[in-house]
């Protein structure tokens, strides 16, 4: 069952799409506080509760105890937990039109122009209040994007106090309006059965070395594999604790440096931060992790350190298993 889910959520090929065509993500994250978009299903009333509610409504001319509102699901942001309500399918319906859909609850992200609120509702084809544009942030977080409602051109924003979603005029570099589409994963090398992790002693600083650990459940081994906002199978890989990115070295000519060790870095558009994945020839569940663009190099474990090497798809030291990320407050 886990392998089946992995195919659905995380299918890589060696081809790179020139346009983002959508995908399924278990961590649609807001940059403002790195919280995760979650659909919280409504609580259904029992028949006895409904009778009591209707009786009070008849007596006082209003909804008794307001319990009917509990039947309505909501969307808000919370810490990553891997709950079904945090998995969203971004579906491209045409051109740059996208629907944000929960397959678990069969509901789509929906806007209300009058109240400027965002809520889940059954999908209605070609409904402008369920269609969004994805606009890449070009100033601060190029790995992130704005969700712009087709209904009124406003951006989806997180209310800092209530953690619920609202619509507001787009403001450049407003973190509460910038989103990341990612999968929370752990990356284990097939040959040594150990997990990628930053050096814990320097984890909050850029240039920390990337190491390997057998402590699978540590928070430092969680990574957010962030889909490039404008193309498929191009990824930024951000440590979920440090919020720093997996990086590799370029030489003075802008070429990837073979034999160099991986490190973590703060976001910089001129750094070597982009990767893509290629299926391993002997397994659908192991992947080669390659610096983007091209397939001239691969991330490998040679000795005790992950580093950039010439690609050899048959070597277990260059194959990476992707496992589900664990609960984290970060």
C-alpha atoms as a PDB file:
ATOM      1  CA  UNK A   1       0.000   0.000   0.000  1.00  0.00           C
ATOM      2  CA  UNK A   2       2.833   2.402   0.858  1.00  0.00           C
ATOM      3  CA  UNK A   3       4.498   1.696  -2.480  1.00  0.00           C
ATOM      4  CA  UNK A   4       1.218   2.344  -4.274  1.00  0.00           C
ATOM      5  CA  UNK A   5       0.833   5.711  -2.555  1.00  0.00           C
ATOM      6  CA  UNK A   6       4.411   6.560  -3.405  1.00  0.00           C
ATOM      7  CA  UNK A   7       3.714   6.048  -7.100  1.00  0.00           C
ATOM      8  CA  UNK A   8       0.708   8.367  -6.923  1.00  0.00           C
ATOM      9  CA  UNK A   9       2.416  11.097  -4.962  1.00  0.00           C
ATOM     10  CA  UNK A  10       5.888  11.016  -6.364  1.00  0.00           C
ATOM     11  CA  UNK A  11       6.444   9.790  -9.910  1.00  0.00           C
ATOM     12  CA  UNK A  12       9.734  10.894 -11.465  1.00  0.00           C
ATOM     13  CA  UNK A  13      11.065  10.450 -14.947  1.00  0.00           C
ATOM     14  CA  UNK A  14      14.210  11.627 -16.664  1.00  0.00           C
ATOM     15  CA  UNK A  15      12.194  14.015 -18.824  1.00  0.00           C
ATOM     16  CA  UNK A  16      11.806  17.608 -17.700  1.00  0.00           C
ATOM     17  CA  UNK A  17       8.603  19.431 -18.569  1.00  0.00           C
ATOM     18  CA  UNK A  18       8.916  23.016 -19.797  1.00  0.00           C
ATOM     19  CA  UNK A  19       5.628  23.914 -18.144  1.00  0.00           C
ATOM     20  CA  UNK A  20       4.158  23.127 -14.766  1.00  0.00           C
ATOM     21  CA  UNK A  21       1.273  20.768 -15.405  1.00  0.00           C
ATOM     22  CA  UNK A  22       0.236  20.099 -11.829  1.00  0.00           C
ATOM     23  CA  UNK A  23       0.875  17.347  -9.320  1.00  0.00           C
ATOM     24  CA  UNK A  24      -0.033  15.936  -5.919  1.00  0.00           C
ATOM     25  CA  UNK A  25       1.635  17.331  -2.803  1.00  0.00           C
ATOM     26  CA  UNK A  26       1.415  16.469   0.883  1.00  0.00           C
ATOM     27  CA  UNK A  27       2.830  19.793   2.015  1.00  0.00           C
ATOM     28  CA  UNK A  28       1.355  22.864   0.339  1.00  0.00           C
ATOM     29  CA  UNK A  29       3.240  25.266   2.574  1.00  0.00           C
ATOM     30  CA  UNK A  30       2.933  28.966   3.381  1.00  0.00           C
ATOM     31  CA  UNK A  31       6.289  30.771   3.504  1.00  0.00           C
ATOM     32  CA  UNK A  32       5.130  33.197   6.201  1.00  0.00           C
ATOM     33  CA  UNK A  33       5.363  30.674   9.011  1.00  0.00           C
ATOM     34  CA  UNK A  34       6.113  27.441   7.117  1.00  0.00           C
ATOM     35  CA  UNK A  35       2.720  26.030   8.007  1.00  0.00           C
ATOM     36  CA  UNK A  36       0.812  23.526   5.875  1.00  0.00           C
ATOM     37  CA  UNK A  37      -2.543  23.978   4.137  1.00  0.00           C
ATOM     38  CA  UNK A  38      -5.053  21.581   5.673  1.00  0.00           C
ATOM     39  CA  UNK A  39      -8.660  20.736   4.963  1.00  0.00           C
ATOM     40  CA  UNK A  40     -10.459  20.090   8.233  1.00  0.00           C
ATOM     41  CA  UNK A  41     -13.653  18.139   7.581  1.00  0.00           C
ATOM     42  CA  UNK A  42     -16.894  19.267   9.171  1.00  0.00           C
ATOM     43  CA  UNK A  43     -18.403  17.410  12.100  1.00  0.00           C
ATOM     44  CA  UNK A  44     -21.738  15.853  11.209  1.00  0.00           C
ATOM     45  CA  UNK A  45     -24.539  16.274  13.707  1.00  0.00           C
ATOM     46  CA  UNK A  46     -26.422  13.258  14.977  1.00  0.00           C
ATOM     47  CA  UNK A  47     -30.178  13.074  14.341  1.00  0.00           C
ATOM     48  CA  UNK A  48     -30.793  14.009  17.999  1.00  0.00           C
ATOM     49  CA  UNK A  49     -28.564  17.085  17.693  1.00  0.00           C
ATOM     50  CA  UNK A  50     -30.377  18.158  14.533  1.00  0.00           C
ATOM     51  CA  UNK A  51     -33.782  17.820  16.235  1.00  0.00           C
ATOM     52  CA  UNK A  52     -32.587  19.920  19.169  1.00  0.00           C
ATOM     53  CA  UNK A  53     -31.091  22.485  16.823  1.00  0.00           C
ATOM     54  CA  UNK A  54     -34.300  22.735  14.781  1.00  0.00           C
ATOM     55  CA  UNK A  55     -36.394  23.046  17.965  1.00  0.00           C
ATOM     56  CA  UNK A  56     -34.303  25.943  19.276  1.00  0.00           C
ATOM     57  CA  UNK A  57     -34.439  27.525  15.839  1.00  0.00           C
ATOM     58  CA  UNK A  58     -38.239  27.330  15.863  1.00  0.00           C
ATOM     59  CA  UNK A  59     -38.431  28.805  19.361  1.00  0.00           C
ATOM     60  CA  UNK A  60     -35.997  31.669  18.905  1.00  0.00           C
ATOM     61  CA  UNK A  61     -36.050  32.236  15.172  1.00  0.00           C
ATOM     62  CA  UNK A  62     -32.361  31.549  14.725  1.00  0.00           C
ATOM     63  CA  UNK A  63     -29.994  28.633  14.353  1.00  0.00           C
ATOM     64  CA  UNK A  64     -29.883  26.953  17.717  1.00  0.00           C
ATOM     65  CA  UNK A  65     -26.408  26.734  19.237  1.00  0.00           C
ATOM     66  CA  UNK A  66     -25.038  27.367  15.762  1.00  0.00           C
ATOM     67  CA  UNK A  67     -24.240  23.656  15.527  1.00  0.00           C
ATOM     68  CA  UNK A  68     -25.085  23.524  11.829  1.00  0.00           C
ATOM     69  CA  UNK A  69     -21.890  25.391  11.084  1.00  0.00           C
ATOM     70  CA  UNK A  70     -20.023  22.319  12.301  1.00  0.00           C
ATOM     71  CA  UNK A  71     -21.224  20.500   9.208  1.00  0.00           C
ATOM     72  CA  UNK A  72     -19.115  22.781   7.025  1.00  0.00           C
ATOM     73  CA  UNK A  73     -15.446  21.899   6.425  1.00  0.00           C
ATOM     74  CA  UNK A  74     -12.817  24.638   6.582  1.00  0.00           C
ATOM     75  CA  UNK A  75      -9.292  25.220   5.338  1.00  0.00           C
ATOM     76  CA  UNK A  76      -6.540  26.698   7.470  1.00  0.00           C
ATOM     77  CA  UNK A  77      -2.812  26.237   8.018  1.00  0.00           C
ATOM     78  CA  UNK A  78      -1.232  24.101  10.720  1.00  0.00           C
ATOM     79  CA  UNK A  79       1.972  22.183  11.432  1.00  0.00           C
ATOM     80  CA  UNK A  80       2.822  19.369   9.059  1.00  0.00           C
ATOM     81  CA  UNK A  81       1.364  16.095  10.302  1.00  0.00           C
ATOM     82  CA  UNK A  82       0.842  13.976   7.190  1.00  0.00           C
ATOM     83  CA  UNK A  83      -2.929  13.909   7.705  1.00  0.00           C
ATOM     84  CA  UNK A  84      -5.090  13.172   4.635  1.00  0.00           C
ATOM     85  CA  UNK A  85      -6.423  16.733   4.720  1.00  0.00           C
ATOM     86  CA  UNK A  86      -2.925  18.047   3.984  1.00  0.00           C
ATOM     87  CA  UNK A  87      -2.623  16.257   0.634  1.00  0.00           C
ATOM     88  CA  UNK A  88      -3.713  18.426  -2.311  1.00  0.00           C
ATOM     89  CA  UNK A  89      -3.848  17.757  -6.016  1.00  0.00           C
ATOM     90  CA  UNK A  90      -3.065  20.788  -8.194  1.00  0.00           C
ATOM     91  CA  UNK A  91      -4.889  20.129 -11.450  1.00  0.00           C
ATOM     92  CA  UNK A  92      -4.210  22.113 -14.613  1.00  0.00           C
ATOM     93  CA  UNK A  93      -7.524  22.552 -16.416  1.00  0.00           C
ATOM     94  CA  UNK A  94      -6.236  24.774 -19.244  1.00  0.00           C
ATOM     95  CA  UNK A  95      -3.438  27.241 -19.959  1.00  0.00           C
ATOM     96  CA  UNK A  96      -2.510  28.715 -16.546  1.00  0.00           C
ATOM     97  CA  UNK A  97      -5.808  27.742 -14.903  1.00  0.00           C
ATOM     98  CA  UNK A  98      -5.494  25.413 -11.924  1.00  0.00           C
ATOM     99  CA  UNK A  99      -7.893  23.801  -9.457  1.00  0.00           C
ATOM    100  CA  UNK A 100      -6.652  22.933  -5.950  1.00  0.00           C
ATOM    101  CA  UNK A 101      -8.449  19.711  -5.072  1.00  0.00           C
ATOM    102  CA  UNK A 102      -8.598  17.308  -2.118  1.00  0.00           C
ATOM    103  CA  UNK A 103      -9.154  13.798  -3.442  1.00  0.00           C
ATOM    104  CA  UNK A 104      -9.654  12.524   0.095  1.00  0.00           C
ATOM    105  CA  UNK A 105     -12.677  14.745   0.712  1.00  0.00           C
ATOM    106  CA  UNK A 106     -13.673  15.407  -2.937  1.00  0.00           C
ATOM    107  CA  UNK A 107     -13.624  19.178  -2.370  1.00  0.00           C
ATOM    108  CA  UNK A 108     -11.907  22.053  -4.159  1.00  0.00           C
ATOM    109  CA  UNK A 109     -10.448  25.287  -2.806  1.00  0.00           C
ATOM    110  CA  UNK A 110     -13.130  27.927  -3.433  1.00  0.00           C
ATOM    111  CA  UNK A 111     -13.257  31.724  -3.104  1.00  0.00           C
ATOM    112  CA  UNK A 112     -16.056  34.056  -2.114  1.00  0.00           C
ATOM    113  CA  UNK A 113     -15.592  37.525  -3.604  1.00  0.00           C
ATOM    114  CA  UNK A 114     -18.133  39.102  -1.252  1.00  0.00           C
ATOM    115  CA  UNK A 115     -16.589  37.915   2.019  1.00  0.00           C
ATOM    116  CA  UNK A 116     -13.004  37.599   0.665  1.00  0.00           C
ATOM    117  CA  UNK A 117     -12.864  34.161   2.296  1.00  0.00           C
ATOM    118  CA  UNK A 118     -11.487  30.861   0.997  1.00  0.00           C
ATOM    119  CA  UNK A 119     -13.203  27.565   1.816  1.00  0.00           C
ATOM    120  CA  UNK A 120     -13.612  24.001   0.455  1.00  0.00           C
ATOM    121  CA  UNK A 121     -16.632  23.130  -1.707  1.00  0.00           C
ATOM    122  CA  UNK A 122     -17.673  20.493  -4.269  1.00  0.00           C
ATOM    123  CA  UNK A 123     -15.967  21.017  -7.616  1.00  0.00           C
ATOM    124  CA  UNK A 124     -17.953  22.829 -10.317  1.00  0.00           C
ATOM    125  CA  UNK A 125     -16.471  22.753 -13.812  1.00  0.00           C
ATOM    126  CA  UNK A 126     -15.332  26.106 -15.245  1.00  0.00           C
ATOM    127  CA  UNK A 127     -16.277  27.965 -12.072  1.00  0.00           C
ATOM    128  CA  UNK A 128     -14.068  31.074 -11.760  1.00  0.00           C
ATOM    129  CA  UNK A 129     -14.247  30.952  -7.973  1.00  0.00           C
ATOM    130  CA  UNK A 130     -12.433  27.587  -8.035  1.00  0.00           C
ATOM    131  CA  UNK A 131      -9.761  28.520 -10.567  1.00  0.00           C
ATOM    132  CA  UNK A 132      -6.383  29.942  -9.585  1.00  0.00           C
ATOM    133  CA  UNK A 133      -3.362  31.292 -11.409  1.00  0.00           C
ATOM    134  CA  UNK A 134       0.105  30.308 -10.198  1.00  0.00           C
ATOM    135  CA  UNK A 135       2.454  33.302 -10.319  1.00  0.00           C
ATOM    136  CA  UNK A 136       6.080  32.711  -9.392  1.00  0.00           C
ATOM    137  CA  UNK A 137       7.609  35.109  -6.871  1.00  0.00           C
ATOM    138  CA  UNK A 138      10.493  36.726  -8.733  1.00  0.00           C
ATOM    139  CA  UNK A 139      11.819  38.988  -5.981  1.00  0.00           C
ATOM    140  CA  UNK A 140      12.408  37.044  -2.768  1.00  0.00           C
ATOM    141  CA  UNK A 141      11.405  33.378  -2.919  1.00  0.00           C
ATOM    142  CA  UNK A 142      11.746  32.178  -6.489  1.00  0.00           C
ATOM    143  CA  UNK A 143      10.961  28.672  -5.273  1.00  0.00           C
ATOM    144  CA  UNK A 144       7.520  29.940  -4.183  1.00  0.00           C
ATOM    145  CA  UNK A 145       4.416  31.354  -5.842  1.00  0.00           C
ATOM    146  CA  UNK A 146       1.241  33.379  -5.372  1.00  0.00           C
ATOM    147  CA  UNK A 147      -2.163  31.736  -5.733  1.00  0.00           C
ATOM    148  CA  UNK A 148      -4.251  34.291  -7.595  1.00  0.00           C
ATOM    149  CA  UNK A 149      -8.026  33.869  -7.719  1.00  0.00           C
ATOM    150  CA  UNK A 150      -9.466  34.081 -11.233  1.00  0.00           C
ATOM    151  CA  UNK A 151     -12.689  35.380  -9.696  1.00  0.00           C
ATOM    152  CA  UNK A 152     -11.282  38.749  -8.621  1.00  0.00           C
ATOM    153  CA  UNK A 153      -7.500  38.737  -9.133  1.00  0.00           C
ATOM    154  CA  UNK A 154      -6.754  38.704  -5.401  1.00  0.00           C
ATOM    155  CA  UNK A 155      -4.066  36.559  -3.767  1.00  0.00           C
ATOM    156  CA  UNK A 156      -4.714  33.815  -1.240  1.00  0.00           C
ATOM    157  CA  UNK A 157      -3.270  34.990   2.081  1.00  0.00           C
ATOM    158  CA  UNK A 158      -3.001  33.443   5.546  1.00  0.00           C
ATOM    159  CA  UNK A 159      -4.488  35.424   8.412  1.00  0.00           C
ATOM    160  CA  UNK A 160      -1.701  35.503  11.025  1.00  0.00           C
ATOM    161  CA  UNK A 161      -4.088  35.300  13.975  1.00  0.00           C
ATOM    162  CA  UNK A 162      -6.784  32.833  12.915  1.00  0.00           C
ATOM    163  CA  UNK A 163      -4.557  30.820  10.499  1.00  0.00           C
ATOM    164  CA  UNK A 164      -7.490  30.784   8.085  1.00  0.00           C
ATOM    165  CA  UNK A 165      -7.346  31.802   4.430  1.00  0.00           C
ATOM    166  CA  UNK A 166      -8.533  35.078   2.983  1.00  0.00           C
ATOM    167  CA  UNK A 167      -8.222  37.038  -0.251  1.00  0.00           C
ATOM    168  CA  UNK A 168      -6.216  40.256  -0.425  1.00  0.00           C
ATOM    169  CA  UNK A 169      -4.563  42.471  -3.000  1.00  0.00           C
ATOM    170  CA  UNK A 170      -1.245  40.979  -4.043  1.00  0.00           C
ATOM    171  CA  UNK A 171       1.704  42.569  -2.249  1.00  0.00           C
ATOM    172  CA  UNK A 172       5.166  41.705  -3.567  1.00  0.00           C
ATOM    173  CA  UNK A 173       7.272  39.699  -1.114  1.00  0.00           C
ATOM    174  CA  UNK A 174       4.457  39.400   1.419  1.00  0.00           C
ATOM    175  CA  UNK A 175       5.425  36.058   2.947  1.00  0.00           C
ATOM    176  CA  UNK A 176       1.850  35.319   4.035  1.00  0.00           C
ATOM    177  CA  UNK A 177       0.860  35.252   0.350  1.00  0.00           C
ATOM    178  CA  UNK A 178       3.721  33.066  -0.908  1.00  0.00           C
ATOM    179  CA  UNK A 179       3.263  29.293  -1.147  1.00  0.00           C
ATOM    180  CA  UNK A 180       5.476  26.273  -1.757  1.00  0.00           C
ATOM    181  CA  UNK A 181       4.271  23.011  -3.304  1.00  0.00           C
ATOM    182  CA  UNK A 182       6.279  20.154  -1.885  1.00  0.00           C
ATOM    183  CA  UNK A 183       6.445  16.598  -0.666  1.00  0.00           C
ATOM    184  CA  UNK A 184       7.807  15.989   2.847  1.00  0.00           C
ATOM    185  CA  UNK A 185      10.264  13.096   2.450  1.00  0.00           C
ATOM    186  CA  UNK A 186      13.362  11.418   3.842  1.00  0.00           C
ATOM    187  CA  UNK A 187      16.185  10.509   1.460  1.00  0.00           C
ATOM    188  CA  UNK A 188      17.971   7.239   2.217  1.00  0.00           C
ATOM    189  CA  UNK A 189      20.975   5.985   0.293  1.00  0.00           C
ATOM    190  CA  UNK A 190      20.398   2.423  -0.905  1.00  0.00           C
ATOM    191  CA  UNK A 191      23.976   1.253  -0.376  1.00  0.00           C
ATOM    192  CA  UNK A 192      24.469   2.335   3.251  1.00  0.00           C
ATOM    193  CA  UNK A 193      20.830   2.589   4.430  1.00  0.00           C
ATOM    194  CA  UNK A 194      21.469   6.004   5.955  1.00  0.00           C
ATOM    195  CA  UNK A 195      19.631   9.312   5.616  1.00  0.00           C
ATOM    196  CA  UNK A 196      20.654  12.726   4.368  1.00  0.00           C
ATOM    197  CA  UNK A 197      20.941  15.295   7.159  1.00  0.00           C
ATOM    198  CA  UNK A 198      22.720  18.622   7.684  1.00  0.00           C
ATOM    199  CA  UNK A 199      25.495  18.830  10.240  1.00  0.00           C
ATOM    200  CA  UNK A 200      23.445  19.355  13.406  1.00  0.00           C
ATOM    201  CA  UNK A 201      26.061  21.591  15.069  1.00  0.00           C
ATOM    202  CA  UNK A 202      25.812  24.132  12.242  1.00  0.00           C
ATOM    203  CA  UNK A 203      22.295  23.417  11.061  1.00  0.00           C
ATOM    204  CA  UNK A 204      20.987  26.989  11.346  1.00  0.00           C
ATOM    205  CA  UNK A 205      23.813  28.410   9.254  1.00  0.00           C
ATOM    206  CA  UNK A 206      24.486  28.300   5.578  1.00  0.00           C
ATOM    207  CA  UNK A 207      27.390  26.179   4.313  1.00  0.00           C
ATOM    208  CA  UNK A 208      26.730  23.432   6.875  1.00  0.00           C
ATOM    209  CA  UNK A 209      27.992  20.086   5.585  1.00  0.00           C
ATOM    210  CA  UNK A 210      25.514  17.423   4.502  1.00  0.00           C
ATOM    211  CA  UNK A 211      26.093  14.162   6.360  1.00  0.00           C
ATOM    212  CA  UNK A 212      24.498  10.746   6.705  1.00  0.00           C
ATOM    213  CA  UNK A 213      22.712   9.392   9.758  1.00  0.00           C
ATOM    214  CA  UNK A 214      20.996   6.164  10.747  1.00  0.00           C
ATOM    215  CA  UNK A 215      18.632   8.116  13.037  1.00  0.00           C
ATOM    216  CA  UNK A 216      15.659   7.916  10.730  1.00  0.00           C
ATOM    217  CA  UNK A 217      13.116   9.624  12.976  1.00  0.00           C
ATOM    218  CA  UNK A 218      15.115  12.718  13.817  1.00  0.00           C
ATOM    219  CA  UNK A 219      13.532  16.001  12.701  1.00  0.00           C
ATOM    220  CA  UNK A 220      16.717  16.894  10.828  1.00  0.00           C
ATOM    221  CA  UNK A 221      16.175  14.108   8.280  1.00  0.00           C
ATOM    222  CA  UNK A 222      12.952  15.637   6.935  1.00  0.00           C
ATOM    223  CA  UNK A 223      13.268  17.385   3.590  1.00  0.00           C
ATOM    224  CA  UNK A 224      10.719  19.306   1.553  1.00  0.00           C
ATOM    225  CA  UNK A 225      11.107  18.440  -2.102  1.00  0.00           C
ATOM    226  CA  UNK A 226       9.760  21.615  -3.660  1.00  0.00           C
ATOM    227  CA  UNK A 227       8.371  21.534  -7.174  1.00  0.00           C
ATOM    228  CA  UNK A 228       9.664  24.388  -9.314  1.00  0.00           C
ATOM    229  CA  UNK A 229       6.737  26.834  -9.723  1.00  0.00           C
ATOM    230  CA  UNK A 230       6.894  26.807 -13.518  1.00  0.00           C
ATOM    231  CA  UNK A 231       8.105  23.339 -14.553  1.00  0.00           C
ATOM    232  CA  UNK A 232       7.701  19.677 -13.706  1.00  0.00           C
ATOM    233  CA  UNK A 233      10.566  17.454 -12.499  1.00  0.00           C
ATOM    234  CA  UNK A 234      12.744  20.357 -11.402  1.00  0.00           C
ATOM    235  CA  UNK A 235      13.085  20.616  -7.627  1.00  0.00           C
ATOM    236  CA  UNK A 236      14.527  22.615  -4.782  1.00  0.00           C
ATOM    237  CA  UNK A 237      15.243  20.413  -1.731  1.00  0.00           C
ATOM    238  CA  UNK A 238      14.840  22.288   1.553  1.00  0.00           C
ATOM    239  CA  UNK A 239      15.566  20.899   5.007  1.00  0.00           C
ATOM    240  CA  UNK A 240      12.337  21.193   6.982  1.00  0.00           C
ATOM    241  CA  UNK A 241      14.141  22.170  10.190  1.00  0.00           C
ATOM    242  CA  UNK A 242      16.795  24.614   9.030  1.00  0.00           C
ATOM    243  CA  UNK A 243      14.874  25.967   6.010  1.00  0.00           C
ATOM    244  CA  UNK A 244      18.165  25.844   4.120  1.00  0.00           C
ATOM    245  CA  UNK A 245      18.580  24.206   0.722  1.00  0.00           C
ATOM    246  CA  UNK A 246      20.542  21.220  -0.488  1.00  0.00           C
ATOM    247  CA  UNK A 247      23.330  22.720  -2.626  1.00  0.00           C
ATOM    248  CA  UNK A 248      26.311  21.809  -4.793  1.00  0.00           C
ATOM    249  CA  UNK A 249      29.332  23.721  -6.038  1.00  0.00           C
ATOM    250  CA  UNK A 250      29.887  25.471  -9.373  1.00  0.00           C
ATOM    251  CA  UNK A 251      33.335  26.354 -10.677  1.00  0.00           C
ATOM    252  CA  UNK A 252      34.314  29.739 -12.153  1.00  0.00           C
ATOM    253  CA  UNK A 253      32.829  28.661 -15.487  1.00  0.00           C
ATOM    254  CA  UNK A 254      29.473  27.779 -13.987  1.00  0.00           C
ATOM    255  CA  UNK A 255      30.058  24.022 -14.243  1.00  0.00           C
ATOM    256  CA  UNK A 256      29.146  21.508 -11.545  1.00  0.00           C
ATOM    257  CA  UNK A 257      32.259  20.489  -9.596  1.00  0.00           C
ATOM    258  CA  UNK A 258      32.735  16.712  -9.686  1.00  0.00           C
ATOM    259  CA  UNK A 259      33.852  15.220  -6.374  1.00  0.00           C
ATOM    260  CA  UNK A 260      32.630  18.177  -4.329  1.00  0.00           C
ATOM    261  CA  UNK A 261      30.639  17.554  -1.165  1.00  0.00           C
ATOM    262  CA  UNK A 262      27.028  18.583  -0.780  1.00  0.00           C
ATOM    263  CA  UNK A 263      26.230  21.357   1.659  1.00  0.00           C
ATOM    264  CA  UNK A 264      23.210  23.368   2.724  1.00  0.00           C
ATOM    265  CA  UNK A 265      22.769  27.002   1.698  1.00  0.00           C
ATOM    266  CA  UNK A 266      20.435  29.910   2.218  1.00  0.00           C
ATOM    267  CA  UNK A 267      18.375  30.659  -0.862  1.00  0.00           C
ATOM    268  CA  UNK A 268      20.375  32.371  -3.601  1.00  0.00           C
ATOM    269  CA  UNK A 269      19.214  32.259  -7.205  1.00  0.00           C
ATOM    270  CA  UNK A 270      22.833  31.978  -8.366  1.00  0.00           C
ATOM    271  CA  UNK A 271      23.620  28.931  -6.215  1.00  0.00           C
ATOM    272  CA  UNK A 272      23.488  25.299  -7.330  1.00  0.00           C
ATOM    273  CA  UNK A 273      20.128  24.459  -5.771  1.00  0.00           C
ATOM    274  CA  UNK A 274      18.153  22.751  -8.513  1.00  0.00           C
ATOM    275  CA  UNK A 275      17.847  18.974  -8.898  1.00  0.00           C
ATOM    276  CA  UNK A 276      15.878  16.490 -10.907  1.00  0.00           C
ATOM    277  CA  UNK A 277      15.182  12.800 -10.443  1.00  0.00           C
ATOM    278  CA  UNK A 278      15.629   9.845 -12.731  1.00  0.00           C
ATOM    279  CA  UNK A 279      14.221   6.385 -12.181  1.00  0.00           C
ATOM    280  CA  UNK A 280      16.796   3.762 -11.253  1.00  0.00           C
ATOM    281  CA  UNK A 281      16.820   0.972 -13.868  1.00  0.00           C
ATOM    282  CA  UNK A 282      16.337  -1.796 -11.294  1.00  0.00           C
ATOM    283  CA  UNK A 283      13.535  -0.312  -9.177  1.00  0.00           C
ATOM    284  CA  UNK A 284      10.550   2.034  -9.427  1.00  0.00           C
ATOM    285  CA  UNK A 285      11.200   3.101  -5.848  1.00  0.00           C
ATOM    286  CA  UNK A 286      14.849   4.131  -6.109  1.00  0.00           C
ATOM    287  CA  UNK A 287      15.987   7.242  -7.893  1.00  0.00           C
ATOM    288  CA  UNK A 288      19.110   8.947  -9.097  1.00  0.00           C
ATOM    289  CA  UNK A 289      19.353  12.514  -7.798  1.00  0.00           C
ATOM    290  CA  UNK A 290      20.936  14.719 -10.439  1.00  0.00           C
ATOM    291  CA  UNK A 291      21.979  18.383 -10.429  1.00  0.00           C
ATOM    292  CA  UNK A 292      19.877  20.324 -12.916  1.00  0.00           C
ATOM    293  CA  UNK A 293      20.198  20.675 -15.880  1.00  0.00           C
ATOM    294  CA  UNK A 294      21.528  17.618 -17.644  1.00  0.00           C
ATOM    295  CA  UNK A 295      22.591  14.160 -16.488  1.00  0.00           C
ATOM    296  CA  UNK A 296      26.357  14.658 -16.355  1.00  0.00           C
ATOM    297  CA  UNK A 297      26.576  14.173 -12.572  1.00  0.00           C
ATOM    298  CA  UNK A 298      24.746  12.402  -9.779  1.00  0.00           C
ATOM    299  CA  UNK A 299      24.587  12.597  -5.979  1.00  0.00           C
ATOM    300  CA  UNK A 300      26.509   9.638  -4.612  1.00  0.00           C
ATOM    301  CA  UNK A 301      27.875   8.303  -1.328  1.00  0.00           C
ATOM    302  CA  UNK A 302      31.600   7.718  -1.641  1.00  0.00           C
ATOM    303  CA  UNK A 303      33.230   6.821   1.654  1.00  0.00           C
ATOM    304  CA  UNK A 304      31.194   8.567   4.360  1.00  0.00           C
ATOM    305  CA  UNK A 305      30.000  11.712   2.586  1.00  0.00           C
ATOM    306  CA  UNK A 306      27.355  12.471  -0.033  1.00  0.00           C
ATOM    307  CA  UNK A 307      29.013  14.189  -2.984  1.00  0.00           C
ATOM    308  CA  UNK A 308      28.780  14.957  -6.681  1.00  0.00           C
ATOM    309  CA  UNK A 309      30.017  12.078  -8.872  1.00  0.00           C
ATOM    310  CA  UNK A 310      29.948  10.942 -12.459  1.00  0.00           C
ATOM    311  CA  UNK A 311      26.643   9.105 -12.937  1.00  0.00           C
ATOM    312  CA  UNK A 312      26.463   5.332 -12.770  1.00  0.00           C
ATOM    313  CA  UNK A 313      22.840   4.235 -12.599  1.00  0.00           C
ATOM    314  CA  UNK A 314      23.733   0.676 -11.567  1.00  0.00           C
ATOM    315  CA  UNK A 315      25.642   1.639  -8.418  1.00  0.00           C
ATOM    316  CA  UNK A 316      23.625   1.361  -5.199  1.00  0.00           C
ATOM    317  CA  UNK A 317      25.673   4.255  -3.777  1.00  0.00           C
ATOM    318  CA  UNK A 318      23.985   6.539  -6.323  1.00  0.00           C
ATOM    319  CA  UNK A 319      20.462   5.274  -5.718  1.00  0.00           C
ATOM    320  CA  UNK A 320      18.168   7.037  -3.266  1.00  0.00           C
ATOM    321  CA  UNK A 321      15.016   5.755  -1.641  1.00  0.00           C
ATOM    322  CA  UNK A 322      12.274   8.251  -0.824  1.00  0.00           C
ATOM    323  CA  UNK A 323      10.418   7.583   2.384  1.00  0.00           C
ATOM    324  CA  UNK A 324       7.538   9.446   3.979  1.00  0.00           C
ATOM    325  CA  UNK A 325       8.453  12.423   6.123  1.00  0.00           C
ATOM    326  CA  UNK A 326       7.445  12.447   9.762  1.00  0.00           C
ATOM    327  CA  UNK A 327       5.525  14.853  11.958  1.00  0.00           C
ATOM    328  CA  UNK A 328       7.425  18.025  12.718  1.00  0.00           C
ATOM    329  CA  UNK A 329       6.677  21.323  14.410  1.00  0.00           C
ATOM    330  CA  UNK A 330       8.765  23.006  11.729  1.00  0.00           C
END
